[in-house]
N, C-alpha and C. Protein backbone atom coordinates (compact mmCIF):
# COMPACT_ATOMS: atom_id res chain seq x y z
N MET A 1 24.23 -3.55 11.36
CA MET A 1 23.94 -2.94 9.83
C MET A 1 24.82 -3.78 8.80
N ASN A 2 23.97 -4.14 8.24
CA ASN A 2 24.68 -5.23 6.65
C ASN A 2 24.95 -4.33 6.19
N ILE A 3 25.14 -4.59 5.22
CA ILE A 3 25.98 -4.38 3.40
C ILE A 3 25.00 -3.78 2.92
N ARG A 4 23.80 -4.45 2.45
CA ARG A 4 22.56 -3.92 2.00
C ARG A 4 22.16 -2.84 2.49
N LYS A 5 21.83 -2.38 3.80
CA LYS A 5 21.88 -1.20 4.40
C LYS A 5 22.48 -0.48 4.38
N ILE A 6 23.54 -0.92 4.24
CA ILE A 6 24.62 0.68 3.85
C ILE A 6 24.64 1.39 2.70
N LEU A 7 24.77 -0.01 1.68
CA LEU A 7 24.34 0.52 0.40
C LEU A 7 23.39 1.72 -0.12
N VAL A 8 22.12 1.54 0.97
CA VAL A 8 20.79 1.88 0.88
C VAL A 8 20.66 3.58 1.45
N PHE A 9 20.84 3.22 2.73
CA PHE A 9 20.82 4.36 3.72
C PHE A 9 21.80 5.46 3.14
N TYR A 10 23.18 5.01 3.28
CA TYR A 10 24.32 5.53 2.51
C TYR A 10 24.59 6.11 1.18
N ARG A 11 23.68 6.16 0.21
CA ARG A 11 23.57 6.50 -1.39
C ARG A 11 24.10 7.44 -1.97
N LEU A 12 23.93 8.56 -1.09
CA LEU A 12 23.91 10.21 -2.03
C LEU A 12 25.88 9.88 -1.47
N PRO A 13 26.33 10.24 -0.54
CA PRO A 13 27.62 9.92 0.86
C PRO A 13 28.46 8.87 -0.35
N ILE A 14 27.73 7.91 -0.65
CA ILE A 14 28.87 6.77 -1.42
C ILE A 14 29.17 7.28 -2.86
N ALA A 15 28.19 7.92 -3.10
CA ALA A 15 28.31 8.33 -4.54
C ALA A 15 29.27 9.84 -4.62
N ALA A 16 29.07 10.53 -3.64
CA ALA A 16 30.25 11.72 -3.84
C ALA A 16 31.57 10.74 -3.77
N LEU A 17 31.65 9.91 -2.69
CA LEU A 17 33.08 8.98 -2.65
C LEU A 17 33.55 8.61 -3.97
N MET A 18 32.18 8.13 -4.56
CA MET A 18 32.96 7.04 -6.11
C MET A 18 33.36 8.77 -7.39
N LEU A 19 32.45 9.76 -6.65
CA LEU A 19 32.74 11.02 -8.06
C LEU A 19 34.55 11.46 -7.44
N ILE A 20 34.47 11.67 -6.43
CA ILE A 20 36.24 11.94 -5.74
C ILE A 20 36.69 10.47 -6.47
N LEU A 21 36.43 9.84 -6.20
CA LEU A 21 37.47 8.21 -6.39
C LEU A 21 38.14 8.73 -8.19
N GLY A 22 36.60 8.41 -9.06
CA GLY A 22 36.66 8.49 -10.64
C GLY A 22 38.16 9.94 -10.52
N PHE A 23 37.76 10.86 -10.38
CA PHE A 23 38.52 11.93 -10.63
C PHE A 23 39.88 11.98 -10.24
N VAL A 24 40.03 11.05 -8.60
CA VAL A 24 41.70 11.37 -8.45
C VAL A 24 42.42 10.05 -9.38
N VAL A 25 41.87 8.59 -10.07
CA VAL A 25 41.79 7.58 -10.72
C VAL A 25 42.09 8.71 -12.38
N GLY A 26 41.47 9.32 -12.44
CA GLY A 26 41.54 9.88 -13.65
C GLY A 26 43.16 10.75 -14.08
N PHE A 27 43.24 11.30 -13.44
CA PHE A 27 43.97 12.73 -13.10
C PHE A 27 45.29 11.92 -12.64
N GLN A 28 45.71 11.03 -11.91
CA GLN A 28 46.46 10.00 -11.17
C GLN A 28 47.33 8.97 -11.87
N VAL A 29 46.09 8.38 -12.68
CA VAL A 29 46.26 6.53 -13.70
C VAL A 29 45.75 7.22 -14.89
N THR A 30 44.83 6.50 -15.48
CA THR A 30 43.78 6.72 -16.82
C THR A 30 42.48 7.11 -16.27
N TRP A 31 41.57 7.68 -17.66
CA TRP A 31 40.60 7.70 -17.46
C TRP A 31 39.83 6.50 -17.66
N TRP A 32 40.65 5.89 -18.49
CA TRP A 32 40.21 4.32 -19.37
C TRP A 32 39.40 3.23 -17.83
N ILE A 33 40.10 3.37 -16.83
CA ILE A 33 39.48 3.54 -15.10
C ILE A 33 38.83 3.96 -14.38
N ALA A 34 39.05 5.65 -14.93
CA ALA A 34 37.84 6.07 -13.99
C ALA A 34 36.61 6.17 -14.31
N TRP A 35 36.05 5.60 -15.35
CA TRP A 35 34.93 5.33 -15.61
C TRP A 35 34.05 4.51 -14.60
N ILE A 36 34.77 3.89 -14.22
CA ILE A 36 34.27 2.85 -12.81
C ILE A 36 33.23 3.48 -11.88
N PRO A 37 34.31 4.32 -11.27
CA PRO A 37 33.95 4.82 -10.05
C PRO A 37 32.59 5.96 -10.51
N PHE A 38 32.68 6.07 -11.43
CA PHE A 38 31.64 7.77 -12.07
C PHE A 38 30.20 7.02 -12.46
N LEU A 39 30.54 5.90 -12.89
CA LEU A 39 29.03 4.77 -12.63
C LEU A 39 28.51 4.51 -11.56
N ILE A 40 29.09 4.28 -10.63
CA ILE A 40 28.49 3.62 -9.80
C ILE A 40 27.92 4.99 -8.51
N SER A 41 28.79 5.57 -9.06
CA SER A 41 28.13 7.31 -8.58
C SER A 41 27.02 7.23 -9.21
N ILE A 42 26.97 7.56 -10.60
CA ILE A 42 25.49 7.67 -10.44
C ILE A 42 24.56 6.79 -10.64
N VAL A 43 24.58 5.58 -10.72
CA VAL A 43 23.69 4.37 -10.56
C VAL A 43 22.80 4.59 -9.13
N MET A 44 24.21 5.77 -7.79
CA MET A 44 23.49 5.52 -6.42
C MET A 44 22.91 5.95 -6.78
N VAL A 45 23.05 7.97 -6.89
CA VAL A 45 21.42 8.78 -6.95
C VAL A 45 20.86 8.28 -7.96
N VAL A 46 20.55 7.22 -8.99
CA VAL A 46 20.02 7.33 -9.99
C VAL A 46 18.67 6.61 -8.92
N ALA A 47 19.34 5.69 -7.72
CA ALA A 47 18.61 4.58 -7.24
C ALA A 47 18.49 5.79 -5.87
N TYR A 48 19.15 6.63 -5.18
CA TYR A 48 18.69 6.76 -4.14
C TYR A 48 16.90 8.10 -4.67
N PHE A 49 16.78 8.85 -6.05
CA PHE A 49 15.58 9.32 -6.35
C PHE A 49 14.14 8.42 -6.81
N LEU A 50 14.35 6.96 -7.65
CA LEU A 50 13.69 6.20 -8.53
C LEU A 50 13.64 5.39 -7.21
N ILE A 51 14.12 5.30 -6.56
CA ILE A 51 14.04 3.44 -5.62
C ILE A 51 13.97 4.14 -4.42
N GLY A 52 14.45 5.24 -3.71
CA GLY A 52 14.71 5.44 -2.38
C GLY A 52 15.19 4.22 -1.73
N PRO A 53 14.27 4.60 -0.26
CA PRO A 53 14.35 2.74 0.62
C PRO A 53 13.42 1.77 0.43
N MET A 54 12.84 1.74 -0.29
CA MET A 54 11.50 0.67 -0.58
C MET A 54 12.23 -0.37 -0.61
N THR A 55 13.75 -0.85 -0.79
CA THR A 55 13.38 -2.77 -1.27
C THR A 55 13.47 -3.20 0.33
N LEU A 56 14.01 -1.94 1.16
CA LEU A 56 14.71 -2.57 2.67
C LEU A 56 12.58 -2.69 3.24
N ILE A 57 11.18 -1.95 3.11
CA ILE A 57 10.40 -2.32 3.77
C ILE A 57 9.95 -3.94 3.52
N GLN A 58 10.09 -4.54 2.87
CA GLN A 58 9.73 -5.90 2.80
C GLN A 58 9.70 -6.50 4.21
N GLY A 59 11.59 -6.80 4.74
CA GLY A 59 10.98 -7.45 5.52
C GLY A 59 10.62 -6.34 7.26
N TYR A 60 10.85 -4.99 7.06
CA TYR A 60 10.06 -4.63 8.19
C TYR A 60 8.60 -4.78 8.65
N ILE A 61 8.04 -4.69 7.59
CA ILE A 61 6.87 -5.62 7.75
C ILE A 61 6.76 -6.83 7.93
N GLU A 62 7.32 -8.10 7.43
CA GLU A 62 7.28 -9.25 7.90
C GLU A 62 7.51 -9.36 9.28
N SER A 63 8.40 -8.45 9.73
CA SER A 63 9.02 -8.71 10.57
C SER A 63 8.20 -8.00 11.84
N GLY A 64 6.87 -7.47 11.27
CA GLY A 64 6.31 -6.58 12.53
C GLY A 64 6.36 -5.13 12.54
N ASP A 65 7.65 -4.73 12.53
CA ASP A 65 8.51 -3.32 13.09
C ASP A 65 7.76 -2.62 11.76
N MET A 66 6.71 -1.66 12.60
CA MET A 66 5.34 -1.23 11.30
C MET A 66 6.39 0.48 12.04
N ASP A 67 7.33 1.35 13.31
CA ASP A 67 8.08 2.04 13.26
C ASP A 67 9.89 1.81 12.51
N GLY A 68 10.12 0.67 11.73
CA GLY A 68 11.52 1.02 11.01
C GLY A 68 10.60 1.69 10.01
N VAL A 69 9.69 0.90 9.53
CA VAL A 69 8.43 1.32 7.84
C VAL A 69 8.43 2.87 7.88
N ALA A 70 7.60 3.09 9.00
CA ALA A 70 7.62 4.62 9.03
C ALA A 70 8.86 5.65 9.02
N LYS A 71 9.66 5.23 9.87
CA LYS A 71 11.35 5.87 9.59
C LYS A 71 11.93 6.12 8.51
N LEU A 72 11.58 4.47 7.89
CA LEU A 72 12.27 4.44 6.35
C LEU A 72 11.57 5.53 5.65
N MET A 73 10.05 5.45 5.43
CA MET A 73 9.06 6.17 4.99
C MET A 73 9.82 7.58 4.69
N LYS A 74 10.28 8.24 5.95
CA LYS A 74 10.05 9.70 5.97
C LYS A 74 11.63 10.10 5.49
N MET A 75 12.44 8.56 4.74
CA MET A 75 13.06 9.58 4.08
C MET A 75 13.44 8.96 2.65
N VAL A 76 12.46 8.86 2.44
CA VAL A 76 12.05 9.37 0.66
C VAL A 76 11.00 11.07 0.77
N LYS A 77 11.90 11.86 0.10
CA LYS A 77 12.36 13.38 0.32
C LYS A 77 11.08 13.91 -0.67
N TYR A 78 11.48 12.81 -1.85
CA TYR A 78 10.90 13.72 -3.35
C TYR A 78 9.91 12.24 -3.56
N PRO A 79 8.78 12.07 -3.24
CA PRO A 79 8.33 10.51 -3.65
C PRO A 79 7.42 10.91 -4.73
N ASN A 80 7.43 11.78 -5.44
CA ASN A 80 6.93 11.86 -7.00
C ASN A 80 8.28 11.33 -7.72
N LEU A 81 9.30 11.72 -7.74
CA LEU A 81 10.56 11.38 -7.98
C LEU A 81 10.43 9.44 -8.11
N LEU A 82 9.72 8.60 -7.55
CA LEU A 82 9.71 7.42 -6.93
C LEU A 82 9.39 6.58 -8.71
N TYR A 83 10.02 5.69 -9.03
CA TYR A 83 10.09 4.77 -9.93
C TYR A 83 8.14 4.30 -10.02
N LYS A 84 7.29 4.63 -11.13
CA LYS A 84 5.53 4.41 -10.79
C LYS A 84 4.89 3.21 -10.10
N PRO A 85 5.57 2.65 -10.49
CA PRO A 85 5.08 1.42 -9.64
C PRO A 85 5.77 1.52 -7.50
N ILE A 86 6.69 1.88 -6.90
CA ILE A 86 7.35 1.71 -6.27
C ILE A 86 6.32 2.68 -5.73
N ARG A 87 6.40 4.10 -6.02
CA ARG A 87 5.82 5.54 -6.06
C ARG A 87 4.14 4.69 -5.37
N SER A 88 3.74 3.94 -6.15
CA SER A 88 1.87 3.40 -5.66
C SER A 88 2.55 3.02 -4.81
N THR A 89 3.16 1.65 -4.00
CA THR A 89 3.16 1.23 -2.90
C THR A 89 3.75 2.23 -2.01
N TYR A 90 4.27 3.13 -2.10
CA TYR A 90 5.18 4.32 -1.17
C TYR A 90 3.48 4.95 -0.84
N TYR A 91 2.98 5.08 -1.82
CA TYR A 91 1.71 5.52 -0.96
C TYR A 91 0.37 4.85 -0.35
N MET A 92 0.24 4.15 -0.85
CA MET A 92 -0.26 2.59 0.19
C MET A 92 -0.19 2.43 1.70
N LEU A 93 1.57 2.59 1.30
CA LEU A 93 2.06 2.38 2.85
C LEU A 93 2.09 3.39 4.03
N GLN A 94 1.94 4.73 3.12
CA GLN A 94 1.87 6.22 3.92
C GLN A 94 0.09 6.00 4.28
N ALA A 95 -1.13 5.34 2.90
CA ALA A 95 -1.88 5.19 3.61
C ALA A 95 -2.22 4.15 4.99
N ASN A 96 -1.91 2.93 4.58
CA ASN A 96 -2.00 2.19 6.55
C ASN A 96 -1.60 3.17 7.77
N ILE A 97 0.07 3.73 7.63
CA ILE A 97 -0.14 4.31 8.75
C ILE A 97 -0.71 5.38 8.83
N SER A 98 -1.26 6.25 7.88
CA SER A 98 -2.40 7.34 8.77
C SER A 98 -3.41 7.21 8.61
N THR A 99 -3.61 5.55 8.13
CA THR A 99 -4.94 5.36 9.15
C THR A 99 -5.01 3.87 9.84
N MET A 100 -3.79 3.63 10.30
CA MET A 100 -3.91 3.68 12.05
C MET A 100 -3.20 4.43 13.28
N GLY A 101 -3.29 5.83 12.24
CA GLY A 101 -2.59 6.78 13.84
C GLY A 101 -4.40 7.71 13.50
N GLU A 102 -5.32 7.28 12.55
CA GLU A 102 -6.79 7.94 12.15
C GLU A 102 -6.99 8.99 11.55
N ASP A 103 -6.18 9.20 10.89
CA ASP A 103 -5.92 10.48 10.39
C ASP A 103 -6.53 10.61 8.70
N LEU A 104 -7.32 10.39 8.84
CA LEU A 104 -8.24 9.29 7.45
C LEU A 104 -8.19 10.15 6.10
N ASP A 105 -8.18 11.19 6.55
CA ASP A 105 -8.25 12.62 5.44
C ASP A 105 -6.91 11.70 4.53
N ALA A 106 -6.07 12.10 5.39
CA ALA A 106 -4.58 11.63 5.07
C ALA A 106 -4.41 10.26 4.04
N ALA A 107 -5.04 9.67 4.36
CA ALA A 107 -4.63 8.52 4.18
C ALA A 107 -5.96 8.48 2.41
N GLU A 108 -7.17 8.69 2.89
CA GLU A 108 -7.68 9.03 1.44
C GLU A 108 -6.83 9.64 0.36
N ALA A 109 -6.45 11.13 0.62
CA ALA A 109 -5.46 11.41 -0.37
C ALA A 109 -4.08 10.67 -0.49
N GLN A 110 -3.70 9.80 0.31
CA GLN A 110 -2.81 8.75 -0.35
C GLN A 110 -3.16 7.60 -1.12
N LEU A 111 -4.34 7.59 -1.22
CA LEU A 111 -4.54 6.24 -2.21
C LEU A 111 -4.46 7.04 -2.77
N ARG A 112 -5.34 7.98 -2.98
CA ARG A 112 -6.15 8.31 -4.89
C ARG A 112 -4.92 8.93 -5.65
N LYS A 113 -3.57 9.22 -4.43
CA LYS A 113 -2.20 9.77 -5.18
C LYS A 113 -1.27 8.23 -5.67
N GLY A 114 -2.02 7.46 -4.44
CA GLY A 114 -1.34 5.65 -4.96
C GLY A 114 -2.10 5.04 -6.14
N LEU A 115 -3.12 5.10 -6.84
CA LEU A 115 -4.43 5.03 -8.26
C LEU A 115 -3.82 6.02 -8.56
N GLU A 116 -3.29 7.20 -9.10
CA GLU A 116 -2.92 7.67 -10.03
C GLU A 116 -1.79 7.75 -10.48
N SER A 117 -0.67 6.68 -9.66
CA SER A 117 0.66 6.49 -9.67
C SER A 117 0.02 5.49 -10.39
N GLY A 118 -0.63 4.04 -10.47
CA GLY A 118 -0.52 3.94 -11.32
C GLY A 118 -0.08 2.74 -11.06
N MET A 119 -1.47 1.21 -10.10
CA MET A 119 -0.99 0.27 -9.79
C MET A 119 -0.32 -1.14 -10.59
N PRO A 120 1.02 -1.38 -10.31
CA PRO A 120 1.55 -2.54 -10.73
C PRO A 120 0.75 -3.68 -10.58
N GLU A 121 -0.06 -4.11 -10.18
CA GLU A 121 -1.71 -5.18 -10.80
C GLU A 121 -2.82 -4.69 -9.51
N LYS A 122 -3.34 -5.70 -11.09
CA LYS A 122 -4.89 -5.32 -9.99
C LYS A 122 -4.99 -5.73 -8.86
N GLU A 123 -5.14 -6.27 -8.79
CA GLU A 123 -5.47 -7.20 -7.29
C GLU A 123 -5.33 -5.93 -5.95
N TYR A 124 -3.49 -4.41 -6.52
CA TYR A 124 -3.75 -3.67 -5.43
C TYR A 124 -4.30 -2.78 -5.68
N GLU A 125 -4.99 -2.19 -6.87
CA GLU A 125 -6.19 -1.03 -7.13
C GLU A 125 -7.38 -2.20 -6.49
N GLY A 126 -7.34 -2.87 -6.76
CA GLY A 126 -8.74 -3.37 -5.90
C GLY A 126 -8.42 -3.13 -4.81
N THR A 127 -7.73 -3.06 -3.55
CA THR A 127 -6.95 -3.26 -1.84
C THR A 127 -7.06 -1.62 -2.01
N ALA A 128 -6.61 -0.83 -3.21
CA ALA A 128 -6.96 0.37 -2.59
C ALA A 128 -8.40 1.24 -2.37
N TYR A 129 -8.81 0.46 -3.62
CA TYR A 129 -10.78 0.70 -3.15
C TYR A 129 -11.27 0.10 -2.38
N LEU A 130 -10.64 -0.53 -1.82
CA LEU A 130 -11.36 -1.59 -0.82
C LEU A 130 -10.83 -0.41 0.76
N GLN A 131 -9.97 -0.25 0.47
CA GLN A 131 -9.48 1.04 1.74
C GLN A 131 -10.15 2.05 2.27
N LEU A 132 -10.50 2.40 0.92
CA LEU A 132 -11.09 4.29 -0.08
C LEU A 132 -12.70 3.75 0.75
N GLY A 133 -12.98 1.95 0.77
CA GLY A 133 -14.60 1.90 1.10
C GLY A 133 -14.60 2.07 2.26
N ALA A 134 -13.73 1.04 3.07
CA ALA A 134 -13.62 1.65 4.77
C ALA A 134 -13.62 3.03 4.91
N ILE A 135 -12.97 4.02 4.69
CA ILE A 135 -12.71 5.17 5.25
C ILE A 135 -13.63 6.04 4.70
N ALA A 136 -14.21 5.64 3.45
CA ALA A 136 -15.58 6.30 3.27
C ALA A 136 -16.10 6.04 4.24
N GLN A 137 -17.07 5.04 4.70
CA GLN A 137 -17.87 4.22 5.69
C GLN A 137 -18.10 4.88 6.45
N ARG A 138 -16.97 4.65 7.46
CA ARG A 138 -15.80 5.30 8.74
C ARG A 138 -16.34 7.04 8.62
N LYS A 139 -16.37 7.64 7.75
CA LYS A 139 -16.49 9.57 7.68
C LYS A 139 -18.29 9.49 7.70
N GLY A 140 -19.02 8.89 7.33
CA GLY A 140 -20.39 9.19 7.03
C GLY A 140 -20.79 8.69 5.48
N ASN A 141 -19.07 8.55 4.51
CA ASN A 141 -20.60 9.12 3.55
C ASN A 141 -20.91 7.39 2.11
N THR A 142 -21.78 7.69 3.36
CA THR A 142 -22.42 5.12 2.91
C THR A 142 -22.14 5.23 0.41
N LYS A 143 -22.98 6.49 0.38
CA LYS A 143 -23.08 6.05 -0.98
C LYS A 143 -21.64 6.47 -1.83
N GLU A 144 -20.62 7.03 -1.04
CA GLU A 144 -18.97 6.19 -1.97
C GLU A 144 -18.56 5.60 -1.52
N ALA A 145 -18.97 5.15 0.31
CA ALA A 145 -18.62 3.69 0.22
C ALA A 145 -19.15 2.04 -0.87
N TYR A 146 -20.01 2.32 -1.05
CA TYR A 146 -20.78 1.24 -1.34
C TYR A 146 -20.07 1.28 -3.05
N GLU A 147 -19.68 2.97 -3.45
CA GLU A 147 -19.07 2.37 -5.06
C GLU A 147 -17.62 1.93 -4.84
N HIS A 148 -17.07 2.33 -4.67
CA HIS A 148 -15.54 2.21 -3.43
C HIS A 148 -15.35 0.46 -3.80
N LEU A 149 -16.24 0.17 -2.05
CA LEU A 149 -16.02 -1.23 -2.24
C LEU A 149 -16.72 -2.11 -3.63
N ARG A 150 -18.08 -1.30 -4.60
CA ARG A 150 -18.81 -2.57 -5.89
C ARG A 150 -17.30 -2.88 -6.52
N LYS A 151 -16.94 -1.40 -6.62
CA LYS A 151 -15.43 -1.25 -7.77
C LYS A 151 -13.73 -1.79 -7.52
N ALA A 152 -13.69 -2.50 -5.78
CA ALA A 152 -12.90 -3.24 -5.39
C ALA A 152 -12.97 -4.70 -6.14
N ILE A 153 -14.53 -5.31 -5.90
CA ILE A 153 -14.55 -6.47 -5.92
C ILE A 153 -14.48 -6.57 -7.79
N GLN A 154 -15.21 -5.62 -8.06
CA GLN A 154 -14.75 -5.75 -10.02
C GLN A 154 -13.59 -6.14 -10.07
N ILE A 155 -13.05 -5.12 -9.60
CA ILE A 155 -11.83 -4.81 -10.18
C ILE A 155 -10.48 -6.23 -9.79
N GLY A 156 -11.26 -6.34 -8.32
CA GLY A 156 -10.69 -8.16 -8.48
C GLY A 156 -9.26 -7.87 -6.75
N LEU A 157 -9.70 -9.00 -5.87
CA LEU A 157 -8.78 -8.31 -4.91
C LEU A 157 -7.71 -9.96 -4.83
N PRO A 158 -7.30 -9.62 -3.74
CA PRO A 158 -5.72 -10.58 -3.84
C PRO A 158 -6.05 -11.83 -2.92
N ASP A 159 -7.12 -12.19 -2.07
CA ASP A 159 -7.74 -13.38 -1.72
C ASP A 159 -8.82 -13.31 -1.25
N LYS A 160 -9.50 -13.99 -0.93
CA LYS A 160 -10.70 -14.75 -0.37
C LYS A 160 -10.97 -13.85 0.80
N GLU A 161 -10.02 -14.03 1.74
CA GLU A 161 -9.92 -12.73 3.14
C GLU A 161 -10.96 -11.69 2.80
N ASN A 162 -10.49 -10.96 1.99
CA ASN A 162 -10.11 -10.02 1.68
C ASN A 162 -11.22 -9.41 0.80
N GLU A 163 -12.05 -10.26 0.07
CA GLU A 163 -13.13 -10.48 -0.69
C GLU A 163 -14.26 -10.79 0.19
N ALA A 164 -14.04 -11.40 1.65
CA ALA A 164 -15.14 -11.78 1.55
C ALA A 164 -14.80 -10.20 2.86
N MET A 165 -14.36 -10.02 3.07
CA MET A 165 -14.90 -8.59 4.08
C MET A 165 -15.47 -7.31 3.05
N ALA A 166 -14.99 -7.59 2.05
CA ALA A 166 -15.62 -6.40 0.85
C ALA A 166 -17.00 -6.74 0.86
N TYR A 167 -17.37 -7.73 0.38
CA TYR A 167 -18.87 -8.33 0.38
C TYR A 167 -19.49 -7.98 1.76
N LEU A 168 -18.84 -8.04 2.82
CA LEU A 168 -19.48 -8.44 4.81
C LEU A 168 -20.02 -6.73 4.51
N GLN A 169 -19.22 -5.46 3.96
CA GLN A 169 -19.28 -4.42 4.36
C GLN A 169 -20.11 -3.82 2.99
N LEU A 170 -20.52 -4.73 2.14
CA LEU A 170 -21.21 -4.00 1.46
C LEU A 170 -22.77 -4.86 1.70
N SER A 171 -22.88 -5.43 2.79
CA SER A 171 -23.77 -6.22 2.94
C SER A 171 -24.54 -5.50 4.01
N GLY A 172 -23.81 -4.62 5.21
CA GLY A 172 -23.89 -3.54 5.94
C GLY A 172 -24.19 -2.59 5.68
N LEU A 173 -24.10 -2.27 4.73
CA LEU A 173 -24.68 -1.07 3.99
C LEU A 173 -25.49 -0.76 3.26
N CYS A 174 -26.08 -2.25 2.76
CA CYS A 174 -27.24 -2.62 2.34
C CYS A 174 -28.35 -2.58 3.68
N ALA A 175 -28.07 -3.10 4.57
CA ALA A 175 -28.75 -3.78 5.75
C ALA A 175 -29.29 -1.49 6.69
N GLN A 176 -28.85 -0.99 6.42
CA GLN A 176 -28.27 0.52 6.70
C GLN A 176 -30.03 1.00 5.79
N ARG A 177 -30.11 0.41 4.51
CA ARG A 177 -30.45 1.51 3.50
C ARG A 177 -31.40 0.36 3.24
N ARG A 178 -31.92 -0.37 4.41
CA ARG A 178 -33.89 -1.43 4.59
C ARG A 178 -33.42 -2.30 3.29
N ASP A 179 -32.33 -2.20 2.41
CA ASP A 179 -32.34 -2.95 1.07
C ASP A 179 -31.59 -4.66 1.46
N PHE A 180 -32.68 -5.10 2.09
CA PHE A 180 -32.60 -6.60 2.61
C PHE A 180 -31.60 -7.53 1.58
N ARG A 181 -32.69 -7.27 0.59
CA ARG A 181 -32.56 -8.23 -0.70
C ARG A 181 -31.35 -7.88 -0.95
N ASN A 182 -30.55 -7.50 -1.30
CA ASN A 182 -28.81 -7.31 -1.34
C ASN A 182 -28.03 -7.73 -0.31
N CYS A 183 -28.83 -7.35 0.71
CA CYS A 183 -28.39 -7.00 1.92
C CYS A 183 -27.97 -9.13 2.36
N LYS A 184 -28.59 -9.43 1.80
CA LYS A 184 -28.32 -11.67 2.32
C LYS A 184 -27.40 -12.07 0.99
N ILE A 185 -28.19 -10.81 -0.06
CA ILE A 185 -26.69 -11.90 -1.48
C ILE A 185 -25.20 -11.26 -0.54
N TYR A 186 -25.69 -9.76 -0.07
CA TYR A 186 -23.67 -10.11 -0.26
C TYR A 186 -23.63 -10.52 0.77
N PHE A 187 -24.18 -10.63 1.69
CA PHE A 187 -23.79 -11.57 3.02
C PHE A 187 -23.51 -13.09 3.16
N ASN A 188 -24.35 -13.50 1.91
CA ASN A 188 -24.18 -15.16 1.14
C ASN A 188 -22.87 -15.65 0.18
N LYS A 189 -22.59 -14.04 -0.13
CA LYS A 189 -21.18 -14.11 -0.55
C LYS A 189 -19.91 -13.98 0.14
N ALA A 190 -20.31 -13.27 0.80
CA ALA A 190 -18.90 -13.04 1.78
C ALA A 190 -19.10 -14.42 2.91
N LYS A 191 -19.61 -15.73 3.25
CA LYS A 191 -19.65 -16.24 3.18
C LYS A 191 -19.44 -17.63 2.56
N ALA A 192 -19.91 -17.61 1.53
CA ALA A 192 -18.62 -18.02 0.06
C ALA A 192 -18.08 -18.09 0.08
N CYS A 193 -16.83 -17.66 0.40
CA CYS A 193 -15.69 -16.91 0.24
C CYS A 193 -14.59 -17.64 1.78
N LYS A 194 -15.21 -18.18 2.90
CA LYS A 194 -14.95 -19.45 3.88
C LYS A 194 -13.67 -18.44 4.06
N PRO A 195 -13.88 -17.39 4.94
CA PRO A 195 -13.04 -16.52 5.57
C PRO A 195 -12.66 -17.16 6.59
N THR A 196 -11.08 -16.96 7.46
CA THR A 196 -10.94 -17.87 8.51
C THR A 196 -10.49 -16.62 9.37
N ASN A 197 -9.86 -15.38 9.01
CA ASN A 197 -9.80 -14.54 9.70
C ASN A 197 -10.92 -14.02 10.85
N PRO A 198 -10.35 -14.59 12.41
CA PRO A 198 -11.33 -14.16 13.04
C PRO A 198 -11.97 -13.35 13.52
N GLN A 199 -11.62 -11.84 13.00
CA GLN A 199 -12.70 -11.18 12.86
C GLN A 199 -13.40 -10.78 12.41
N VAL A 200 -13.14 -11.25 10.59
CA VAL A 200 -14.31 -10.86 9.52
C VAL A 200 -15.53 -12.44 10.37
N VAL A 201 -14.47 -13.63 10.65
CA VAL A 201 -15.33 -14.61 11.24
C VAL A 201 -16.37 -14.15 11.95
N ASP A 202 -16.61 -13.43 12.70
CA ASP A 202 -17.11 -13.27 13.86
C ASP A 202 -18.15 -12.10 13.25
N GLN A 203 -17.31 -10.75 12.88
CA GLN A 203 -18.16 -10.12 11.98
C GLN A 203 -19.73 -11.02 11.13
N LEU A 204 -19.29 -12.34 10.81
CA LEU A 204 -20.41 -12.64 10.30
C LEU A 204 -21.34 -13.46 11.03
N LYS A 205 -20.75 -14.14 11.62
CA LYS A 205 -21.90 -14.26 13.33
C LYS A 205 -22.56 -13.20 13.86
N GLU A 206 -22.25 -11.99 13.53
CA GLU A 206 -23.17 -10.60 14.16
C GLU A 206 -24.25 -10.63 13.21
N MET A 207 -23.34 -10.66 11.81
CA MET A 207 -24.18 -10.22 10.98
C MET A 207 -25.57 -11.26 10.48
N SER A 208 -25.12 -13.08 10.83
CA SER A 208 -25.72 -13.81 10.56
C SER A 208 -27.51 -13.49 11.68
N VAL A 209 -26.96 -13.36 12.71
CA VAL A 209 -28.29 -13.36 13.28
C VAL A 209 -29.81 -11.78 13.77
N TYR A 210 -28.16 -10.78 12.74
CA TYR A 210 -29.48 -9.60 12.30
C TYR A 210 -29.93 -10.24 11.60
N ILE A 211 -29.62 -10.97 10.16
CA ILE A 211 -30.09 -11.09 8.80
C ILE A 211 -31.70 -12.50 9.59
N ALA A 212 -31.39 -13.30 10.34
CA ALA A 212 -31.62 -14.02 10.73
C ALA A 212 -33.89 -13.23 10.86
N ARG A 213 -33.80 -12.19 11.30
CA ARG A 213 -34.29 -11.16 12.18
C ARG A 213 -34.69 -10.43 10.91
N MET A 214 -34.53 -10.24 9.78
CA MET A 214 -35.03 -9.65 9.16
C MET A 214 -36.12 -10.27 8.05
N PRO A 215 -37.16 -9.15 7.76
CA PRO A 215 -38.58 -10.02 7.05
C PRO A 215 -38.03 -10.20 5.14
N GLY A 216 -38.87 -11.21 5.11
CA GLY A 216 -38.77 -11.88 4.11
C GLY A 216 -37.41 -13.03 3.77
């Protein structure tokens, strides 16, 4: 375990030790130096509640260790005390974990909490609505899915892959409603994004076969 992880995992014990050290230095040496361990103690406690272990999560995500991510998330005991941008990231990650576990109700609730917390960037907000749209579609709420997906595109998405996915889902929803005109429009917009994700590319190929058989 490296020093960074030790500082993150053991913030409260370190804060307690610094507090004790501060009193020892104050009583036996001088209070002019004791403020240093007291300050470290305060910083550790503040970081525990406002940041939690979230600074370590990126490394786990990049290595694909989702079990490690889930364990870190469980260390957050008071998510409502997290600093706002960090809180929204926390809820977004929780939603992803819930979606992977097929707990769509929990994922939806967590995404809404993330949006209420305020996203640090518009692209994250757009991604949240894209996920809400996908969840609503899986739950059979096509009207709600359509609204969320349109809002995701309106707000903005982080890359062309996500944009293509949103347009493709909208195209599929229009096809279900037999709105062939908008189905083709959204399909062409998805294709114009030139996605490279194999899953999205395969869906585009399947949709192109369906569209070729459409009237008009």
